[in-house]
């Protein structure tokens, strides 16, 4: 709603009225501000998506690098040869074959 542009009328009319329904005066064209607000809304949305997406990617990369470090450490620990592991490694894999201790 806006007042008529005729100083003698000044009746309240609709924004999109080209002529005043009371006095007939032609009204100036009013530019709608929705274009600016839509642009701001789109820019804010894109910014949030970029920041949020970047944060998610960073978290995923961080968690995968921590998992890789844990997996490498576990593998190293499993392959480390200790006295108990050395005895197990020398044991025969087939139970039907006699061990070197049984042959003598």
C-alpha atoms as a PDB file:
ATOM      1  CA  UNK A   1       0.000   0.000   0.000  1.00  0.00           C
ATOM      2  CA  UNK A   2       1.106   3.536  -0.752  1.00  0.00           C
ATOM      3  CA  UNK A   3      -0.414   7.001  -1.014  1.00  0.00           C
ATOM      4  CA  UNK A   4      -1.522   8.358  -4.399  1.00  0.00           C
ATOM      5  CA  UNK A   5       1.083  10.594  -6.042  1.00  0.00           C
ATOM      6  CA  UNK A   6      -1.553  13.342  -6.623  1.00  0.00           C
ATOM      7  CA  UNK A   7      -1.016  15.911  -3.794  1.00  0.00           C
ATOM      8  CA  UNK A   8      -4.729  16.779  -3.805  1.00  0.00           C
ATOM      9  CA  UNK A   9      -5.817  13.071  -3.473  1.00  0.00           C
ATOM     10  CA  UNK A  10      -3.256  11.211  -1.317  1.00  0.00           C
ATOM     11  CA  UNK A  11      -5.622   8.218  -0.963  1.00  0.00           C
ATOM     12  CA  UNK A  12      -4.035   4.890  -0.050  1.00  0.00           C
ATOM     13  CA  UNK A  13      -3.749   2.662  -3.131  1.00  0.00           C
ATOM     14  CA  UNK A  14      -2.146  -0.664  -4.027  1.00  0.00           C
ATOM     15  CA  UNK A  15       1.549  -0.775  -4.951  1.00  0.00           C
ATOM     16  CA  UNK A  16       0.830  -2.209  -8.387  1.00  0.00           C
ATOM     17  CA  UNK A  17      -1.909   0.298  -9.341  1.00  0.00           C
ATOM     18  CA  UNK A  18      -0.897   2.191 -12.518  1.00  0.00           C
ATOM     19  CA  UNK A  19      -3.693   4.743 -11.949  1.00  0.00           C
ATOM     20  CA  UNK A  20      -5.351   5.953  -8.742  1.00  0.00           C
ATOM     21  CA  UNK A  21      -8.872   4.440  -8.517  1.00  0.00           C
ATOM     22  CA  UNK A  22     -10.092   7.646  -6.731  1.00  0.00           C
ATOM     23  CA  UNK A  23      -8.715  10.484  -8.852  1.00  0.00           C
ATOM     24  CA  UNK A  24      -7.408   8.725 -11.987  1.00  0.00           C
ATOM     25  CA  UNK A  25      -3.897  10.170 -11.647  1.00  0.00           C
ATOM     26  CA  UNK A  26      -1.209   8.025 -13.317  1.00  0.00           C
ATOM     27  CA  UNK A  27       1.126   6.615 -10.682  1.00  0.00           C
ATOM     28  CA  UNK A  28       4.911   6.271 -10.995  1.00  0.00           C
ATOM     29  CA  UNK A  29       6.247   2.751 -11.391  1.00  0.00           C
ATOM     30  CA  UNK A  30       7.518   1.383  -8.097  1.00  0.00           C
ATOM     31  CA  UNK A  31      10.466  -0.987  -8.259  1.00  0.00           C
ATOM     32  CA  UNK A  32       9.954  -4.010  -6.077  1.00  0.00           C
ATOM     33  CA  UNK A  33      12.748  -4.769  -3.640  1.00  0.00           C
ATOM     34  CA  UNK A  34      12.284  -8.536  -3.823  1.00  0.00           C
ATOM     35  CA  UNK A  35      15.164  -8.927  -6.300  1.00  0.00           C
ATOM     36  CA  UNK A  36      17.685  -7.710  -3.729  1.00  0.00           C
ATOM     37  CA  UNK A  37      16.302  -9.862  -0.933  1.00  0.00           C
ATOM     38  CA  UNK A  38      16.282 -12.969  -3.145  1.00  0.00           C
ATOM     39  CA  UNK A  39      19.885 -12.301  -4.159  1.00  0.00           C
ATOM     40  CA  UNK A  40      20.933 -11.923  -0.516  1.00  0.00           C
ATOM     41  CA  UNK A  41      19.078 -15.107   0.403  1.00  0.00           C
ATOM     42  CA  UNK A  42      20.786 -17.062  -2.393  1.00  0.00           C
ATOM     43  CA  UNK A  43      24.226 -15.732  -1.445  1.00  0.00           C
ATOM     44  CA  UNK A  44      23.693 -16.626   2.220  1.00  0.00           C
ATOM     45  CA  UNK A  45      22.527 -20.118   1.257  1.00  0.00           C
ATOM     46  CA  UNK A  46      25.550 -20.689  -0.985  1.00  0.00           C
ATOM     47  CA  UNK A  47      27.878 -19.406   1.742  1.00  0.00           C
ATOM     48  CA  UNK A  48      26.378 -21.725   4.335  1.00  0.00           C
ATOM     49  CA  UNK A  49      26.662 -24.679   1.947  1.00  0.00           C
ATOM     50  CA  UNK A  50      30.318 -23.907   1.222  1.00  0.00           C
ATOM     51  CA  UNK A  51      31.256 -23.474   4.867  1.00  0.00           C
ATOM     52  CA  UNK A  52      29.214 -26.480   5.997  1.00  0.00           C
ATOM     53  CA  UNK A  53      30.443 -28.681   3.162  1.00  0.00           C
ATOM     54  CA  UNK A  54      34.031 -27.665   3.796  1.00  0.00           C
ATOM     55  CA  UNK A  55      33.645 -28.475   7.474  1.00  0.00           C
ATOM     56  CA  UNK A  56      32.196 -31.895   6.703  1.00  0.00           C
ATOM     57  CA  UNK A  57      34.989 -32.674   4.237  1.00  0.00           C
ATOM     58  CA  UNK A  58      37.587 -31.529   6.763  1.00  0.00           C
ATOM     59  CA  UNK A  59      36.075 -33.750   9.460  1.00  0.00           C
ATOM     60  CA  UNK A  60      35.988 -36.716   7.098  1.00  0.00           C
ATOM     61  CA  UNK A  61      39.605 -36.176   6.075  1.00  0.00           C
ATOM     62  CA  UNK A  62      40.649 -35.797   9.699  1.00  0.00           C
ATOM     63  CA  UNK A  63      38.874 -38.973  10.786  1.00  0.00           C
ATOM     64  CA  UNK A  64      40.259 -40.996   7.880  1.00  0.00           C
ATOM     65  CA  UNK A  65      43.805 -39.852   8.639  1.00  0.00           C
ATOM     66  CA  UNK A  66      43.373 -40.834  12.299  1.00  0.00           C
ATOM     67  CA  UNK A  67      41.969 -44.223  11.274  1.00  0.00           C
ATOM     68  CA  UNK A  68      44.917 -44.762   8.931  1.00  0.00           C
ATOM     69  CA  UNK A  69      47.348 -44.019  11.743  1.00  0.00           C
ATOM     70  CA  UNK A  70      45.577 -46.440  14.089  1.00  0.00           C
ATOM     71  CA  UNK A  71      45.497 -49.180  11.426  1.00  0.00           C
ATOM     72  CA  UNK A  72      49.201 -48.781  10.665  1.00  0.00           C
ATOM     73  CA  UNK A  73      50.080 -48.946  14.367  1.00  0.00           C
ATOM     74  CA  UNK A  74      47.948 -52.062  14.875  1.00  0.00           C
ATOM     75  CA  UNK A  75      49.571 -53.761  11.882  1.00  0.00           C
ATOM     76  CA  UNK A  76      53.042 -52.972  13.172  1.00  0.00           C
ATOM     77  CA  UNK A  77      52.140 -54.348  16.580  1.00  0.00           C
ATOM     78  CA  UNK A  78      50.730 -57.545  15.066  1.00  0.00           C
ATOM     79  CA  UNK A  79      53.794 -58.193  12.925  1.00  0.00           C
ATOM     80  CA  UNK A  80      56.311 -57.452  15.659  1.00  0.00           C
ATOM     81  CA  UNK A  81      58.201 -60.606  16.609  1.00  0.00           C
ATOM     82  CA  UNK A  82      58.269 -61.344  20.310  1.00  0.00           C
ATOM     83  CA  UNK A  83      59.598 -64.528  21.944  1.00  0.00           C
ATOM     84  CA  UNK A  84      56.052 -65.916  22.192  1.00  0.00           C
ATOM     85  CA  UNK A  85      55.324 -65.090  18.556  1.00  0.00           C
ATOM     86  CA  UNK A  86      58.624 -66.619  17.377  1.00  0.00           C
ATOM     87  CA  UNK A  87      57.752 -69.996  18.956  1.00  0.00           C
ATOM     88  CA  UNK A  88      54.317 -69.934  17.340  1.00  0.00           C
ATOM     89  CA  UNK A  89      55.830 -68.965  13.981  1.00  0.00           C
ATOM     90  CA  UNK A  90      58.183 -72.029  14.091  1.00  0.00           C
ATOM     91  CA  UNK A  91      55.330 -74.430  14.879  1.00  0.00           C
ATOM     92  CA  UNK A  92      54.219 -76.635  11.981  1.00  0.00           C
ATOM     93  CA  UNK A  93      51.090 -75.507  10.184  1.00  0.00           C
ATOM     94  CA  UNK A  94      49.842 -79.036   9.443  1.00  0.00           C
ATOM     95  CA  UNK A  95      48.933 -81.052  12.541  1.00  0.00           C
ATOM     96  CA  UNK A  96      49.587 -84.385  10.758  1.00  0.00           C
ATOM     97  CA  UNK A  97      53.285 -83.590  10.180  1.00  0.00           C
ATOM     98  CA  UNK A  98      55.569 -84.351  13.123  1.00  0.00           C
ATOM     99  CA  UNK A  99      57.396 -81.429  14.654  1.00  0.00           C
ATOM    100  CA  UNK A 100      61.240 -81.502  14.712  1.00  0.00           C
ATOM    101  CA  UNK A 101      61.105 -82.235  18.448  1.00  0.00           C
ATOM    102  CA  UNK A 102      58.928 -85.374  17.842  1.00  0.00           C
ATOM    103  CA  UNK A 103      61.327 -86.866  15.226  1.00  0.00           C
ATOM    104  CA  UNK A 104      64.300 -87.396  17.544  1.00  0.00           C
END
